[in-house]
Amino acid sequence: MTISEAQQKVDHWIRTYGGGYFSELTNLGVLTEEVGEMARWIVREYGDQSFKPSERNTDAKAAIKDEMSDILWVLLCLANQMDIDLTSGLEENFKKKTDRDMDRHRSTNSD
């Protein structure tokens, strides 16, 4: 599925089953909440924090995948609401990063 197709599918789902979009500000809050939930799982799986007893039998990678998908969903909602084409946005971002950073991470600092 392309990014554009994902934006269209989310829009269709929201209009068909979701009852409409939350406000942009509410979706910003939801996005922040989802990033926090993903961070909690990553900190436990890859960081120094230990799992809570209720989390020990959960597949952390599956939980991280689910949270990342939730983040993507809300990001697609926000893009749709603001009439932002994420395909062209990502293409522009690749160009920006290439122009700015093409040698940055490969070269050593001689200063």
PDB file of N, CA and C in Angstrom:
ATOM      1  N   MET A   1       0.859  -1.178   0.000  1.00  0.00           N
ATOM      2  CA  MET A   1       0.000   0.000   0.000  1.00  0.00           C
ATOM      3  C   MET A   1       0.903   1.239   0.000  1.00  0.00           C
ATOM      4  N   THR A   2       0.589   2.194  -0.838  1.00  0.00           N
ATOM      5  CA  THR A   2       1.345   3.448  -0.862  1.00  0.00           C
ATOM      6  C   THR A   2       0.858   4.357   0.262  1.00  0.00           C
ATOM      7  N   ILE A   3       1.605   5.413   0.505  1.00  0.00           N
ATOM      8  CA  ILE A   3       1.188   6.386   1.518  1.00  0.00           C
ATOM      9  C   ILE A   3      -0.138   7.025   1.109  1.00  0.00           C
ATOM     10  N   SER A   4      -0.256   7.364  -0.163  1.00  0.00           N
ATOM     11  CA  SER A   4      -1.499   7.966  -0.662  1.00  0.00           C
ATOM     12  C   SER A   4      -2.684   7.020  -0.475  1.00  0.00           C
ATOM     13  N   GLU A   5      -2.472   5.747  -0.782  1.00  0.00           N
ATOM     14  CA  GLU A   5      -3.544   4.765  -0.574  1.00  0.00           C
ATOM     15  C   GLU A   5      -3.896   4.645   0.904  1.00  0.00           C
ATOM     16  N   ALA A   6      -2.899   4.704   1.751  1.00  0.00           N
ATOM     17  CA  ALA A   6      -3.153   4.637   3.199  1.00  0.00           C
ATOM     18  C   ALA A   6      -3.974   5.840   3.653  1.00  0.00           C
ATOM     19  N   GLN A   7      -3.630   7.023   3.154  1.00  0.00           N
ATOM     20  CA  GLN A   7      -4.409   8.203   3.507  1.00  0.00           C
ATOM     21  C   GLN A   7      -5.862   8.043   3.054  1.00  0.00           C
ATOM     22  N   GLN A   8      -6.063   7.512   1.853  1.00  0.00           N
ATOM     23  CA  GLN A   8      -7.420   7.312   1.340  1.00  0.00           C
ATOM     24  C   GLN A   8      -8.183   6.268   2.164  1.00  0.00           C
ATOM     25  N   LYS A   9      -7.501   5.174   2.528  1.00  0.00           N
ATOM     26  CA  LYS A   9      -8.160   4.116   3.302  1.00  0.00           C
ATOM     27  C   LYS A   9      -8.557   4.612   4.693  1.00  0.00           C
ATOM     28  N   VAL A  10      -7.678   5.389   5.319  1.00  0.00           N
ATOM     29  CA  VAL A  10      -8.003   5.952   6.629  1.00  0.00           C
ATOM     30  C   VAL A  10      -9.202   6.888   6.501  1.00  0.00           C
ATOM     31  N   ASP A  11      -9.179   7.736   5.481  1.00  0.00           N
ATOM     32  CA  ASP A  11     -10.295   8.660   5.278  1.00  0.00           C
ATOM     33  C   ASP A  11     -11.599   7.895   5.077  1.00  0.00           C
ATOM     34  N   HIS A  12     -11.561   6.859   4.261  1.00  0.00           N
ATOM     35  CA  HIS A  12     -12.764   6.049   4.032  1.00  0.00           C
ATOM     36  C   HIS A  12     -13.248   5.420   5.336  1.00  0.00           C
ATOM     37  N   TRP A  13     -12.333   4.869   6.124  1.00  0.00           N
ATOM     38  CA  TRP A  13     -12.713   4.230   7.380  1.00  0.00           C
ATOM     39  C   TRP A  13     -13.330   5.248   8.343  1.00  0.00           C
ATOM     40  N   ILE A  14     -12.677   6.408   8.462  1.00  0.00           N
ATOM     41  CA  ILE A  14     -13.179   7.459   9.367  1.00  0.00           C
ATOM     42  C   ILE A  14     -14.585   7.886   8.959  1.00  0.00           C
ATOM     43  N   ARG A  15     -14.799   8.083   7.677  1.00  0.00           N
ATOM     44  CA  ARG A  15     -16.106   8.536   7.199  1.00  0.00           C
ATOM     45  C   ARG A  15     -17.160   7.427   7.251  1.00  0.00           C
ATOM     46  N   THR A  16     -16.763   6.173   7.114  1.00  0.00           N
ATOM     47  CA  THR A  16     -17.700   5.054   7.089  1.00  0.00           C
ATOM     48  C   THR A  16     -18.007   4.517   8.487  1.00  0.00           C
ATOM     49  N   TYR A  17     -16.967   4.351   9.294  1.00  0.00           N
ATOM     50  CA  TYR A  17     -17.125   3.697  10.598  1.00  0.00           C
ATOM     51  C   TYR A  17     -16.801   4.593  11.788  1.00  0.00           C
ATOM     52  N   GLY A  18     -16.000   5.602  11.570  1.00  0.00           N
ATOM     53  CA  GLY A  18     -15.467   6.381  12.687  1.00  0.00           C
ATOM     54  C   GLY A  18     -16.323   7.531  13.159  1.00  0.00           C
ATOM     55  N   GLY A  19     -17.342   7.873  12.413  1.00  0.00           N
ATOM     56  CA  GLY A  19     -18.189   8.979  12.831  1.00  0.00           C
ATOM     57  C   GLY A  19     -17.590  10.346  12.582  1.00  0.00           C
ATOM     58  N   GLY A  20     -16.505  10.404  11.834  1.00  0.00           N
ATOM     59  CA  GLY A  20     -15.855  11.680  11.535  1.00  0.00           C
ATOM     60  C   GLY A  20     -14.546  11.824  12.284  1.00  0.00           C
ATOM     61  N   TYR A  21     -13.790  12.783  11.877  1.00  0.00           N
ATOM     62  CA  TYR A  21     -12.483  13.041  12.481  1.00  0.00           C
ATOM     63  C   TYR A  21     -12.633  13.751  13.818  1.00  0.00           C
ATOM     64  N   PHE A  22     -11.751  13.443  14.763  1.00  0.00           N
ATOM     65  CA  PHE A  22     -11.598  14.277  15.950  1.00  0.00           C
ATOM     66  C   PHE A  22     -10.991  15.599  15.479  1.00  0.00           C
ATOM     67  N   SER A  23     -11.034  16.610  16.308  1.00  0.00           N
ATOM     68  CA  SER A  23     -10.394  17.876  15.942  1.00  0.00           C
ATOM     69  C   SER A  23      -8.886  17.660  15.818  1.00  0.00           C
ATOM     70  N   GLU A  24      -8.238  18.542  15.093  1.00  0.00           N
ATOM     71  CA  GLU A  24      -6.792  18.452  14.926  1.00  0.00           C
ATOM     72  C   GLU A  24      -6.077  18.493  16.274  1.00  0.00           C
ATOM     73  N   LEU A  25      -6.543  19.340  17.165  1.00  0.00           N
ATOM     74  CA  LEU A  25      -5.904  19.443  18.478  1.00  0.00           C
ATOM     75  C   LEU A  25      -6.088  18.158  19.279  1.00  0.00           C
ATOM     76  N   THR A  26      -7.285  17.561  19.211  1.00  0.00           N
ATOM     77  CA  THR A  26      -7.504  16.280  19.884  1.00  0.00           C
ATOM     78  C   THR A  26      -6.597  15.218  19.279  1.00  0.00           C
ATOM     79  N   ASN A  27      -6.491  15.184  17.952  1.00  0.00           N
ATOM     80  CA  ASN A  27      -5.621  14.194  17.322  1.00  0.00           C
ATOM     81  C   ASN A  27      -4.156  14.412  17.669  1.00  0.00           C
ATOM     82  N   LEU A  28      -3.746  15.648  17.877  1.00  0.00           N
ATOM     83  CA  LEU A  28      -2.380  15.908  18.338  1.00  0.00           C
ATOM     84  C   LEU A  28      -2.173  15.282  19.720  1.00  0.00           C
ATOM     85  N   GLY A  29      -3.155  15.422  20.595  1.00  0.00           N
ATOM     86  CA  GLY A  29      -3.074  14.799  21.915  1.00  0.00           C
ATOM     87  C   GLY A  29      -3.036  13.283  21.819  1.00  0.00           C
ATOM     88  N   VAL A  30      -3.861  12.722  20.940  1.00  0.00           N
ATOM     89  CA  VAL A  30      -3.890  11.264  20.747  1.00  0.00           C
ATOM     90  C   VAL A  30      -2.545  10.794  20.198  1.00  0.00           C
ATOM     91  N   LEU A  31      -1.973  11.542  19.261  1.00  0.00           N
ATOM     92  CA  LEU A  31      -0.667  11.194  18.699  1.00  0.00           C
ATOM     93  C   LEU A  31       0.397  11.170  19.799  1.00  0.00           C
ATOM     94  N   THR A  32       0.388  12.168  20.647  1.00  0.00           N
ATOM     95  CA  THR A  32       1.346  12.242  21.747  1.00  0.00           C
ATOM     96  C   THR A  32       1.175  11.064  22.695  1.00  0.00           C
ATOM     97  N   GLU A  33      -0.070  10.723  22.982  1.00  0.00           N
ATOM     98  CA  GLU A  33      -0.364   9.578  23.840  1.00  0.00           C
ATOM     99  C   GLU A  33       0.170   8.281  23.222  1.00  0.00           C
ATOM    100  N   GLU A  34      -0.053   8.094  21.935  1.00  0.00           N
ATOM    101  CA  GLU A  34       0.407   6.877  21.264  1.00  0.00           C
ATOM    102  C   GLU A  34       1.932   6.801  21.238  1.00  0.00           C
ATOM    103  N   VAL A  35       2.605   7.931  21.033  1.00  0.00           N
ATOM    104  CA  VAL A  35       4.074   7.940  21.064  1.00  0.00           C
ATOM    105  C   VAL A  35       4.562   7.546  22.452  1.00  0.00           C
ATOM    106  N   GLY A  36       3.879   8.031  23.482  1.00  0.00           N
ATOM    107  CA  GLY A  36       4.235   7.643  24.847  1.00  0.00           C
ATOM    108  C   GLY A  36       4.067   6.152  25.086  1.00  0.00           C
ATOM    109  N   GLU A  37       2.991   5.574  24.548  1.00  0.00           N
ATOM    110  CA  GLU A  37       2.758   4.136  24.706  1.00  0.00           C
ATOM    111  C   GLU A  37       3.837   3.330  23.983  1.00  0.00           C
ATOM    112  N   MET A  38       4.245   3.781  22.803  1.00  0.00           N
ATOM    113  CA  MET A  38       5.321   3.106  22.090  1.00  0.00           C
ATOM    114  C   MET A  38       6.625   3.220  22.872  1.00  0.00           C
ATOM    115  N   ALA A  39       6.885   4.408  23.396  1.00  0.00           N
ATOM    116  CA  ALA A  39       8.114   4.629  24.164  1.00  0.00           C
ATOM    117  C   ALA A  39       8.173   3.701  25.376  1.00  0.00           C
ATOM    118  N   ARG A  40       7.045   3.509  26.054  1.00  0.00           N
ATOM    119  CA  ARG A  40       7.016   2.631  27.221  1.00  0.00           C
ATOM    120  C   ARG A  40       7.474   1.220  26.845  1.00  0.00           C
ATOM    121  N   TRP A  41       6.970   0.705  25.733  1.00  0.00           N
ATOM    122  CA  TRP A  41       7.355  -0.649  25.304  1.00  0.00           C
ATOM    123  C   TRP A  41       8.815  -0.716  24.884  1.00  0.00           C
ATOM    124  N   ILE A  42       9.293   0.298  24.173  1.00  0.00           N
ATOM    125  CA  ILE A  42      10.690   0.295  23.722  1.00  0.00           C
ATOM    126  C   ILE A  42      11.636   0.395  24.913  1.00  0.00           C
ATOM    127  N   VAL A  43      11.299   1.229  25.887  1.00  0.00           N
ATOM    128  CA  VAL A  43      12.131   1.368  27.081  1.00  0.00           C
ATOM    129  C   VAL A  43      12.238   0.045  27.830  1.00  0.00           C
ATOM    130  N   ARG A  44      11.154  -0.704  27.865  1.00  0.00           N
ATOM    131  CA  ARG A  44      11.174  -1.987  28.568  1.00  0.00           C
ATOM    132  C   ARG A  44      11.893  -3.071  27.760  1.00  0.00           C
ATOM    133  N   GLU A  45      11.687  -3.081  26.454  1.00  0.00           N
ATOM    134  CA  GLU A  45      12.284  -4.130  25.613  1.00  0.00           C
ATOM    135  C   GLU A  45      13.761  -3.869  25.328  1.00  0.00           C
ATOM    136  N   TYR A  46      14.137  -2.602  25.096  1.00  0.00           N
ATOM    137  CA  TYR A  46      15.502  -2.291  24.682  1.00  0.00           C
ATOM    138  C   TYR A  46      16.272  -1.441  25.688  1.00  0.00           C
ATOM    139  N   GLY A  47      15.577  -0.887  26.657  1.00  0.00           N
ATOM    140  CA  GLY A  47      16.216  -0.016  27.632  1.00  0.00           C
ATOM    141  C   GLY A  47      16.446  -0.716  28.963  1.00  0.00           C
ATOM    142  N   ASP A  48      16.553   0.082  29.997  1.00  0.00           N
ATOM    143  CA  ASP A  48      16.918  -0.427  31.315  1.00  0.00           C
ATOM    144  C   ASP A  48      15.739  -0.704  32.228  1.00  0.00           C
ATOM    145  N   GLN A  49      14.557  -0.294  31.834  1.00  0.00           N
ATOM    146  CA  GLN A  49      13.390  -0.512  32.683  1.00  0.00           C
ATOM    147  C   GLN A  49      12.892  -1.943  32.543  1.00  0.00           C
ATOM    148  N   SER A  50      12.437  -2.510  33.634  1.00  0.00           N
ATOM    149  CA  SER A  50      11.921  -3.881  33.576  1.00  0.00           C
ATOM    150  C   SER A  50      10.412  -3.854  33.328  1.00  0.00           C
ATOM    151  N   PHE A  51       9.923  -4.976  32.822  1.00  0.00           N
ATOM    152  CA  PHE A  51       8.494  -5.108  32.546  1.00  0.00           C
ATOM    153  C   PHE A  51       7.713  -5.194  33.849  1.00  0.00           C
ATOM    154  N   LYS A  52       6.511  -4.636  33.832  1.00  0.00           N
ATOM    155  CA  LYS A  52       5.584  -4.811  34.945  1.00  0.00           C
ATOM    156  C   LYS A  52       5.098  -6.254  34.917  1.00  0.00           C
ATOM    157  N   PRO A  53       4.690  -6.805  36.058  1.00  0.00           N
ATOM    158  CA  PRO A  53       4.196  -8.190  36.064  1.00  0.00           C
ATOM    159  C   PRO A  53       3.098  -8.431  35.029  1.00  0.00           C
ATOM    160  N   SER A  54       2.221  -7.469  34.835  1.00  0.00           N
ATOM    161  CA  SER A  54       1.119  -7.642  33.883  1.00  0.00           C
ATOM    162  C   SER A  54       1.590  -7.614  32.429  1.00  0.00           C
ATOM    163  N   GLU A  55       2.824  -7.162  32.176  1.00  0.00           N
ATOM    164  CA  GLU A  55       3.352  -7.060  30.820  1.00  0.00           C
ATOM    165  C   GLU A  55       4.267  -8.233  30.452  1.00  0.00           C
ATOM    166  N   ARG A  56       4.653  -9.023  31.420  1.00  0.00           N
ATOM    167  CA  ARG A  56       5.693 -10.041  31.199  1.00  0.00           C
ATOM    168  C   ARG A  56       5.331 -11.080  30.153  1.00  0.00           C
ATOM    169  N   ASN A  57       4.065 -11.407  30.010  1.00  0.00           N
ATOM    170  CA  ASN A  57       3.655 -12.426  29.044  1.00  0.00           C
ATOM    171  C   ASN A  57       3.206 -11.829  27.714  1.00  0.00           C
ATOM    172  N   THR A  58       3.481 -10.546  27.524  1.00  0.00           N
ATOM    173  CA  THR A  58       3.102  -9.871  26.282  1.00  0.00           C
ATOM    174  C   THR A  58       4.284  -9.876  25.323  1.00  0.00           C
ATOM    175  N   ASP A  59       4.015 -10.112  24.058  1.00  0.00           N
ATOM    176  CA  ASP A  59       5.039 -10.034  23.019  1.00  0.00           C
ATOM    177  C   ASP A  59       5.358  -8.557  22.789  1.00  0.00           C
ATOM    178  N   ALA A  60       6.511  -8.110  23.277  1.00  0.00           N
ATOM    179  CA  ALA A  60       6.867  -6.689  23.206  1.00  0.00           C
ATOM    180  C   ALA A  60       6.974  -6.200  21.765  1.00  0.00           C
ATOM    181  N   LYS A  61       7.557  -7.014  20.888  1.00  0.00           N
ATOM    182  CA  LYS A  61       7.674  -6.586  19.480  1.00  0.00           C
ATOM    183  C   LYS A  61       6.299  -6.388  18.856  1.00  0.00           C
ATOM    184  N   ALA A  62       5.351  -7.273  19.168  1.00  0.00           N
ATOM    185  CA  ALA A  62       3.992  -7.123  18.647  1.00  0.00           C
ATOM    186  C   ALA A  62       3.343  -5.866  19.224  1.00  0.00           C
ATOM    187  N   ALA A  63       3.604  -5.578  20.491  1.00  0.00           N
ATOM    188  CA  ALA A  63       3.048  -4.380  21.117  1.00  0.00           C
ATOM    189  C   ALA A  63       3.637  -3.121  20.484  1.00  0.00           C
ATOM    190  N   ILE A  64       4.947  -3.128  20.214  1.00  0.00           N
ATOM    191  CA  ILE A  64       5.596  -1.981  19.570  1.00  0.00           C
ATOM    192  C   ILE A  64       5.038  -1.786  18.160  1.00  0.00           C
ATOM    193  N   LYS A  65       4.877  -2.873  17.433  1.00  0.00           N
ATOM    194  CA  LYS A  65       4.290  -2.803  16.085  1.00  0.00           C
ATOM    195  C   LYS A  65       2.894  -2.189  16.144  1.00  0.00           C
ATOM    196  N   ASP A  66       2.094  -2.618  17.108  1.00  0.00           N
ATOM    197  CA  ASP A  66       0.744  -2.091  17.263  1.00  0.00           C
ATOM    198  C   ASP A  66       0.773  -0.595  17.570  1.00  0.00           C
ATOM    199  N   GLU A  67       1.658  -0.177  18.466  1.00  0.00           N
ATOM    200  CA  GLU A  67       1.744   1.253  18.812  1.00  0.00           C
ATOM    201  C   GLU A  67       2.242   2.071  17.625  1.00  0.00           C
ATOM    202  N   MET A  68       3.218   1.550  16.879  1.00  0.00           N
ATOM    203  CA  MET A  68       3.694   2.263  15.686  1.00  0.00           C
ATOM    204  C   MET A  68       2.569   2.421  14.672  1.00  0.00           C
ATOM    205  N   SER A  69       1.756   1.390  14.536  1.00  0.00           N
ATOM    206  CA  SER A  69       0.621   1.465  13.606  1.00  0.00           C
ATOM    207  C   SER A  69      -0.413   2.474  14.085  1.00  0.00           C
ATOM    208  N   ASP A  70      -0.634   2.542  15.398  1.00  0.00           N
ATOM    209  CA  ASP A  70      -1.535   3.560  15.942  1.00  0.00           C
ATOM    210  C   ASP A  70      -1.011   4.961  15.641  1.00  0.00           C
ATOM    211  N   ILE A  71       0.295   5.147  15.783  1.00  0.00           N
ATOM    212  CA  ILE A  71       0.915   6.446  15.499  1.00  0.00           C
ATOM    213  C   ILE A  71       0.724   6.811  14.031  1.00  0.00           C
ATOM    214  N   LEU A  72       0.986   5.856  13.159  1.00  0.00           N
ATOM    215  CA  LEU A  72       0.817   6.099  11.728  1.00  0.00           C
ATOM    216  C   LEU A  72      -0.628   6.454  11.403  1.00  0.00           C
ATOM    217  N   TRP A  73      -1.568   5.744  12.006  1.00  0.00           N
ATOM    218  CA  TRP A  73      -2.999   6.006  11.793  1.00  0.00           C
ATOM    219  C   TRP A  73      -3.330   7.460  12.134  1.00  0.00           C
ATOM    220  N   VAL A  74      -2.921   7.909  13.317  1.00  0.00           N
ATOM    221  CA  VAL A  74      -3.258   9.268  13.751  1.00  0.00           C
ATOM    222  C   VAL A  74      -2.535  10.293  12.882  1.00  0.00           C
ATOM    223  N   LEU A  75      -1.304   9.996  12.490  1.00  0.00           N
ATOM    224  CA  LEU A  75      -0.574  10.903  11.606  1.00  0.00           C
ATOM    225  C   LEU A  75      -1.276  11.033  10.258  1.00  0.00           C
ATOM    226  N   LEU A  76      -1.785   9.907   9.740  1.00  0.00           N
ATOM    227  CA  LEU A  76      -2.546   9.952   8.482  1.00  0.00           C
ATOM    228  C   LEU A  76      -3.836  10.750   8.656  1.00  0.00           C
ATOM    229  N   CYS A  77      -4.480  10.605   9.807  1.00  0.00           N
ATOM    230  CA  CYS A  77      -5.681  11.407  10.087  1.00  0.00           C
ATOM    231  C   CYS A  77      -5.356  12.889  10.060  1.00  0.00           C
ATOM    232  N   LEU A  78      -4.298  13.280  10.749  1.00  0.00           N
ATOM    233  CA  LEU A  78      -3.910  14.691  10.791  1.00  0.00           C
ATOM    234  C   LEU A  78      -3.586  15.209   9.388  1.00  0.00           C
ATOM    235  N   ALA A  79      -2.871  14.423   8.612  1.00  0.00           N
ATOM    236  CA  ALA A  79      -2.535  14.842   7.243  1.00  0.00           C
ATOM    237  C   ALA A  79      -3.808  15.038   6.428  1.00  0.00           C
ATOM    238  N   ASN A  80      -4.748  14.109   6.551  1.00  0.00           N
ATOM    239  CA  ASN A  80      -6.007  14.244   5.814  1.00  0.00           C
ATOM    240  C   ASN A  80      -6.753  15.508   6.235  1.00  0.00           C
ATOM    241  N   GLN A  81      -6.821  15.745   7.520  1.00  0.00           N
ATOM    242  CA  GLN A  81      -7.556  16.908   8.018  1.00  0.00           C
ATOM    243  C   GLN A  81      -6.946  18.218   7.541  1.00  0.00           C
ATOM    244  N   MET A  82      -5.630  18.246   7.415  1.00  0.00           N
ATOM    245  CA  MET A  82      -4.931  19.475   7.055  1.00  0.00           C
ATOM    246  C   MET A  82      -4.639  19.542   5.562  1.00  0.00           C
ATOM    247  N   ASP A  83      -5.179  18.569   4.809  1.00  0.00           N
ATOM    248  CA  ASP A  83      -4.989  18.509   3.359  1.00  0.00           C
ATOM    249  C   ASP A  83      -3.509  18.494   2.998  1.00  0.00           C
ATOM    250  N   ILE A  84      -2.759  17.600   3.672  1.00  0.00           N
ATOM    251  CA  ILE A  84      -1.327  17.442   3.441  1.00  0.00           C
ATOM    252  C   ILE A  84      -1.092  16.124   2.717  1.00  0.00           C
ATOM    253  N   ASP A  85      -0.393  16.192   1.615  1.00  0.00           N
ATOM    254  CA  ASP A  85      -0.016  15.011   0.845  1.00  0.00           C
ATOM    255  C   ASP A  85       1.294  14.489   1.411  1.00  0.00           C
ATOM    256  N   LEU A  86       1.224  13.409   2.184  1.00  0.00           N
ATOM    257  CA  LEU A  86       2.420  12.886   2.824  1.00  0.00           C
ATOM    258  C   LEU A  86       3.399  12.249   1.844  1.00  0.00           C
ATOM    259  N   THR A  87       2.931  11.814   0.683  1.00  0.00           N
ATOM    260  CA  THR A  87       3.854  11.278  -0.323  1.00  0.00           C
ATOM    261  C   THR A  87       4.814  12.368  -0.772  1.00  0.00           C
ATOM    262  N   SER A  88       4.281  13.504  -1.174  1.00  0.00           N
ATOM    263  CA  SER A  88       5.160  14.594  -1.607  1.00  0.00           C
ATOM    264  C   SER A  88       5.952  15.149  -0.422  1.00  0.00           C
ATOM    265  N   GLY A  89       5.355  15.140   0.755  1.00  0.00           N
ATOM    266  CA  GLY A  89       6.076  15.592   1.944  1.00  0.00           C
ATOM    267  C   GLY A  89       7.289  14.728   2.237  1.00  0.00           C
ATOM    268  N   LEU A  90       7.122  13.413   2.127  1.00  0.00           N
ATOM    269  CA  LEU A  90       8.239  12.504   2.363  1.00  0.00           C
ATOM    270  C   LEU A  90       9.297  12.637   1.280  1.00  0.00           C
ATOM    271  N   GLU A  91       8.861  12.793   0.029  1.00  0.00           N
ATOM    272  CA  GLU A  91       9.821  12.990  -1.069  1.00  0.00           C
ATOM    273  C   GLU A  91      10.633  14.261  -0.838  1.00  0.00           C
ATOM    274  N   GLU A  92       9.978  15.346  -0.419  1.00  0.00           N
ATOM    275  CA  GLU A  92      10.671  16.600  -0.136  1.00  0.00           C
ATOM    276  C   GLU A  92      11.623  16.437   1.045  1.00  0.00           C
ATOM    277  N   ASN A  93      11.212  15.627   2.040  1.00  0.00           N
ATOM    278  CA  ASN A  93      12.046  15.400   3.209  1.00  0.00           C
ATOM    279  C   ASN A  93      13.310  14.624   2.847  1.00  0.00           C
ATOM    280  N   PHE A  94      13.182  13.635   1.954  1.00  0.00           N
ATOM    281  CA  PHE A  94      14.363  12.905   1.480  1.00  0.00           C
ATOM    282  C   PHE A  94      15.335  13.862   0.800  1.00  0.00           C
ATOM    283  N   LYS A  95      14.818  14.745  -0.041  1.00  0.00           N
ATOM    284  CA  LYS A  95      15.678  15.706  -0.739  1.00  0.00           C
ATOM    285  C   LYS A  95      16.362  16.627   0.256  1.00  0.00           C
ATOM    286  N   LYS A  96      15.598  17.143   1.220  1.00  0.00           N
ATOM    287  CA  LYS A  96      16.171  18.031   2.230  1.00  0.00           C
ATOM    288  C   LYS A  96      17.295  17.334   2.992  1.00  0.00           C
ATOM    289  N   LYS A  97      17.036  16.119   3.439  1.00  0.00           N
ATOM    290  CA  LYS A  97      18.037  15.387   4.213  1.00  0.00           C
ATOM    291  C   LYS A  97      19.260  15.037   3.362  1.00  0.00           C
ATOM    292  N   THR A  98      19.033  14.695   2.104  1.00  0.00           N
ATOM    293  CA  THR A  98      20.156  14.375   1.218  1.00  0.00           C
ATOM    294  C   THR A  98      21.003  15.610   0.976  1.00  0.00           C
ATOM    295  N   ASP A  99      20.365  16.728   0.657  1.00  0.00           N
ATOM    296  CA  ASP A  99      21.104  17.969   0.402  1.00  0.00           C
ATOM    297  C   ASP A  99      21.874  18.407   1.641  1.00  0.00           C
ATOM    298  N   ARG A 100      21.269  18.267   2.790  1.00  0.00           N
ATOM    299  CA  ARG A 100      21.867  18.762   4.026  1.00  0.00           C
ATOM    300  C   ARG A 100      22.855  17.772   4.643  1.00  0.00           C
ATOM    301  N   ASP A 101      22.558  16.488   4.553  1.00  0.00           N
ATOM    302  CA  ASP A 101      23.291  15.511   5.363  1.00  0.00           C
ATOM    303  C   ASP A 101      24.017  14.436   4.567  1.00  0.00           C
ATOM    304  N   MET A 102      24.164  14.599   3.244  1.00  0.00           N
ATOM    305  CA  MET A 102      24.707  13.496   2.453  1.00  0.00           C
ATOM    306  C   MET A 102      26.097  13.063   2.916  1.00  0.00           C
ATOM    307  N   ASP A 103      26.886  13.947   3.487  1.00  0.00           N
ATOM    308  CA  ASP A 103      28.217  13.580   3.976  1.00  0.00           C
ATOM    309  C   ASP A 103      28.330  13.669   5.490  1.00  0.00           C
ATOM    310  N   ARG A 104      27.335  14.196   6.120  1.00  0.00           N
ATOM    311  CA  ARG A 104      27.401  14.494   7.552  1.00  0.00           C
ATOM    312  C   ARG A 104      27.684  13.264   8.418  1.00  0.00           C
ATOM    313  N   HIS A 105      27.044  12.170   8.147  1.00  0.00           N
ATOM    314  CA  HIS A 105      27.156  11.009   9.016  1.00  0.00           C
ATOM    315  C   HIS A 105      28.281  10.059   8.611  1.00  0.00           C
ATOM    316  N   ARG A 106      28.912  10.327   7.479  1.00  0.00           N
ATOM    317  CA  ARG A 106      29.997   9.477   7.010  1.00  0.00           C
ATOM    318  C   ARG A 106      31.368  10.107   7.245  1.00  0.00           C
ATOM    319  N   SER A 107      31.409  11.411   7.373  1.00  0.00           N
ATOM    320  CA  SER A 107      32.693  12.091   7.513  1.00  0.00           C
ATOM    321  C   SER A 107      33.067  12.223   8.987  1.00  0.00           C
ATOM    322  N   THR A 108      34.349  12.377   9.254  1.00  0.00           N
ATOM    323  CA  THR A 108      34.819  12.590  10.630  1.00  0.00           C
ATOM    324  C   THR A 108      35.121  14.053  10.823  1.00  0.00           C
ATOM    325  N   ASN A 109      34.996  14.480  12.027  1.00  0.00           N
ATOM    326  CA  ASN A 109      35.259  15.867  12.372  1.00  0.00           C
ATOM    327  C   ASN A 109      36.762  16.049  12.564  1.00  0.00           C
ATOM    328  N   SER A 110      37.372  16.962  11.862  1.00  0.00           N
ATOM    329  CA  SER A 110      38.806  17.211  12.002  1.00  0.00           C
ATOM    330  C   SER A 110      39.068  18.453  12.840  1.00  0.00           C
ATOM    331  N   ASP A 111      38.014  19.019  13.415  1.00  0.00           N
ATOM    332  CA  ASP A 111      38.176  20.232  14.233  1.00  0.00           C
ATOM    333  C   ASP A 111      38.699  19.908  15.616  1.00  0.00           C
TER     334      ASP A 111
END
